Amino acid sequence: SDPYYNLIPTEMYNHVITSHGIIMIFFFLMPVLIGGFGNYLIPLLISLPDLNLPRLNALSAWLLIPSSICLVISLYFGSGTGWTFYPPLSNSTFSSGSGTDFLMFSLHLAGVSSILSSINFICTIYSVIYQGRN
């Protein structure tokens, strides 16, 4: 009996943990809940026109596609860094391949998408407040 026996190898477990964290935060929570709820459902619930900045919302949605492609590419190059995905990038021992670099680029693209979605959310809420005062 091996105390380190798992159903999947340790490196694959690190890949799954790393990708799951990125997908849940930057691909689900921020764009869907902030962008979708804030830009579509809140104005519809109070009978106001939705999407204050529709091009900004479309851009934030389209940025998720190259971000998800970079995330899938990073899995094939070996980006399993565990619970954190900020290893010492300058050291070839810890980050020997380009998988972590693809992962970081994917993270930043998804972050930009979330920021654009949040800007649209804030503008939508301000327009709701302004139209409510008139």
Protein backbone atom coordinates (compact mmCIF):
# COMPACT_ATOMS: atom_id res chain seq x y z
CA SER A 1 0.00 0.00 0.00
CA ASP A 2 1.47 3.28 -1.19
CA PRO A 3 0.42 6.36 0.82
CA TYR A 4 0.76 8.50 -2.32
CA TYR A 5 -1.40 6.27 -4.52
CA ASN A 6 -4.03 8.24 -6.41
CA LEU A 7 -6.39 7.38 -9.22
CA ILE A 8 -4.64 9.91 -11.42
CA PRO A 9 -0.94 10.79 -11.42
CA THR A 10 0.23 13.73 -9.31
CA GLU A 11 1.12 15.91 -12.30
CA MET A 12 -2.27 15.35 -13.90
CA TYR A 13 -3.92 16.19 -10.56
CA ASN A 14 -2.00 19.47 -10.56
CA HIS A 15 -3.23 20.16 -14.11
CA VAL A 16 -6.82 19.55 -13.08
CA ILE A 17 -6.56 21.73 -9.96
CA THR A 18 -4.91 24.59 -11.84
CA SER A 19 -7.37 24.54 -14.74
CA HIS A 20 -10.38 24.17 -12.45
CA GLY A 21 -9.41 27.26 -10.48
CA ILE A 22 -8.97 29.36 -13.59
CA ILE A 23 -12.13 28.12 -15.28
CA MET A 24 -14.34 28.64 -12.25
CA ILE A 25 -13.13 32.15 -11.41
CA PHE A 26 -12.21 33.74 -14.73
CA PHE A 27 -14.47 31.85 -17.13
CA PHE A 28 -17.58 31.29 -15.04
CA LEU A 29 -17.87 33.51 -11.99
CA MET A 30 -16.71 36.86 -13.32
CA PRO A 31 -18.01 36.93 -16.93
CA VAL A 32 -21.23 35.00 -16.40
CA LEU A 33 -22.37 36.26 -13.02
CA ILE A 34 -21.13 39.84 -13.28
CA GLY A 35 -21.51 40.31 -17.03
CA GLY A 36 -24.62 38.23 -17.58
CA PHE A 37 -26.48 39.11 -14.39
CA GLY A 38 -25.47 42.76 -14.32
CA ASN A 39 -25.87 43.53 -17.99
CA TYR A 40 -28.95 41.49 -18.87
CA LEU A 41 -31.04 40.53 -15.86
CA ILE A 42 -30.93 43.64 -13.66
CA PRO A 43 -32.19 46.03 -16.39
CA LEU A 44 -34.82 43.51 -17.50
CA LEU A 45 -36.08 43.08 -13.94
CA ILE A 46 -36.79 46.79 -13.59
CA SER A 47 -38.05 47.32 -17.19
CA LEU A 48 -35.15 49.35 -18.54
CA PRO A 49 -33.27 48.89 -21.79
CA ASP A 50 -30.43 46.47 -21.28
CA LEU A 51 -26.81 46.60 -22.39
CA ASN A 52 -25.53 50.09 -21.87
CA LEU A 53 -22.40 49.37 -23.91
CA PRO A 54 -23.19 46.40 -26.18
CA ARG A 55 -19.87 46.47 -28.07
CA LEU A 56 -17.93 46.34 -24.83
CA ASN A 57 -19.96 43.35 -23.68
CA ALA A 58 -19.40 41.60 -27.03
CA LEU A 59 -15.66 42.25 -26.80
CA SER A 60 -15.54 40.79 -23.32
CA ALA A 61 -17.32 37.67 -24.57
CA TRP A 62 -15.06 37.28 -27.62
CA LEU A 63 -11.92 37.53 -25.50
CA LEU A 64 -12.90 34.33 -23.71
CA ILE A 65 -12.37 32.27 -26.88
CA PRO A 66 -8.60 32.90 -27.31
CA SER A 67 -8.25 32.69 -23.57
CA SER A 68 -9.80 29.23 -23.48
CA ILE A 69 -7.64 28.14 -26.43
CA CYS A 70 -4.52 29.22 -24.53
CA LEU A 71 -5.78 27.34 -21.48
CA VAL A 72 -6.18 24.12 -23.47
CA ILE A 73 -2.75 24.59 -25.08
CA SER A 74 -1.19 25.04 -21.66
CA LEU A 75 -2.48 21.63 -20.58
CA TYR A 76 -0.61 19.94 -23.41
CA PHE A 77 2.66 21.68 -22.55
CA GLY A 78 2.47 20.91 -18.85
CA SER A 79 1.19 23.76 -16.72
CA GLY A 80 0.27 21.78 -13.64
CA THR A 81 1.72 23.93 -10.91
CA GLY A 82 -0.70 22.94 -8.18
CA TRP A 83 -2.75 25.24 -6.01
CA THR A 84 -0.94 28.31 -7.22
CA PHE A 85 0.00 29.03 -10.79
CA TYR A 86 2.66 31.64 -10.09
CA PRO A 87 5.83 29.54 -9.97
CA PRO A 88 9.24 31.15 -10.32
CA LEU A 89 9.14 31.65 -14.08
CA SER A 90 12.82 32.51 -14.35
CA ASN A 91 13.94 29.12 -13.07
CA SER A 92 14.00 26.28 -15.60
CA THR A 93 13.65 23.71 -12.82
CA PHE A 94 10.15 24.83 -11.86
CA SER A 95 8.90 26.09 -15.22
CA SER A 96 10.82 24.25 -17.90
CA GLY A 97 8.19 24.42 -20.65
CA SER A 98 5.93 27.07 -22.07
CA GLY A 99 2.79 25.67 -20.44
CA THR A 100 2.85 28.10 -17.54
CA ASP A 101 3.37 31.00 -19.91
CA PHE A 102 0.29 29.98 -21.91
CA LEU A 103 -1.60 29.63 -18.64
CA MET A 104 -0.60 33.12 -17.51
CA PHE A 105 -1.56 34.61 -20.89
CA SER A 106 -4.91 32.83 -20.69
CA LEU A 107 -5.41 34.21 -17.20
CA HIS A 108 -4.66 37.74 -18.32
CA LEU A 109 -6.97 37.56 -21.34
CA ALA A 110 -9.79 36.28 -19.14
CA GLY A 111 -9.00 39.01 -16.61
CA VAL A 112 -9.29 41.70 -19.29
CA SER A 113 -12.59 40.16 -20.33
CA SER A 114 -13.81 40.34 -16.74
CA ILE A 115 -12.69 43.95 -16.37
CA LEU A 116 -14.56 44.96 -19.54
CA SER A 117 -17.63 43.13 -18.31
CA SER A 118 -17.36 44.90 -14.95
CA ILE A 119 -17.06 48.30 -16.63
CA ASN A 120 -20.21 47.55 -18.57
CA PHE A 121 -21.90 46.43 -15.35
CA ILE A 122 -20.99 49.70 -13.59
CA CYS A 123 -22.18 51.79 -16.56
CA THR A 124 -25.45 49.86 -16.65
CA ILE A 125 -26.06 50.44 -12.94
CA TYR A 126 -25.24 54.15 -13.26
CA SER A 127 -27.66 54.50 -16.16
CA VAL A 128 -30.33 52.70 -14.12
CA ILE A 129 -29.78 55.12 -11.23
CA TYR A 130 -29.81 58.13 -13.57
CA GLN A 131 -33.01 57.04 -15.33
CA GLY A 132 -34.63 56.37 -11.97
CA ARG A 133 -34.02 59.96 -10.87
CA ASN A 134 -35.72 61.46 -13.93
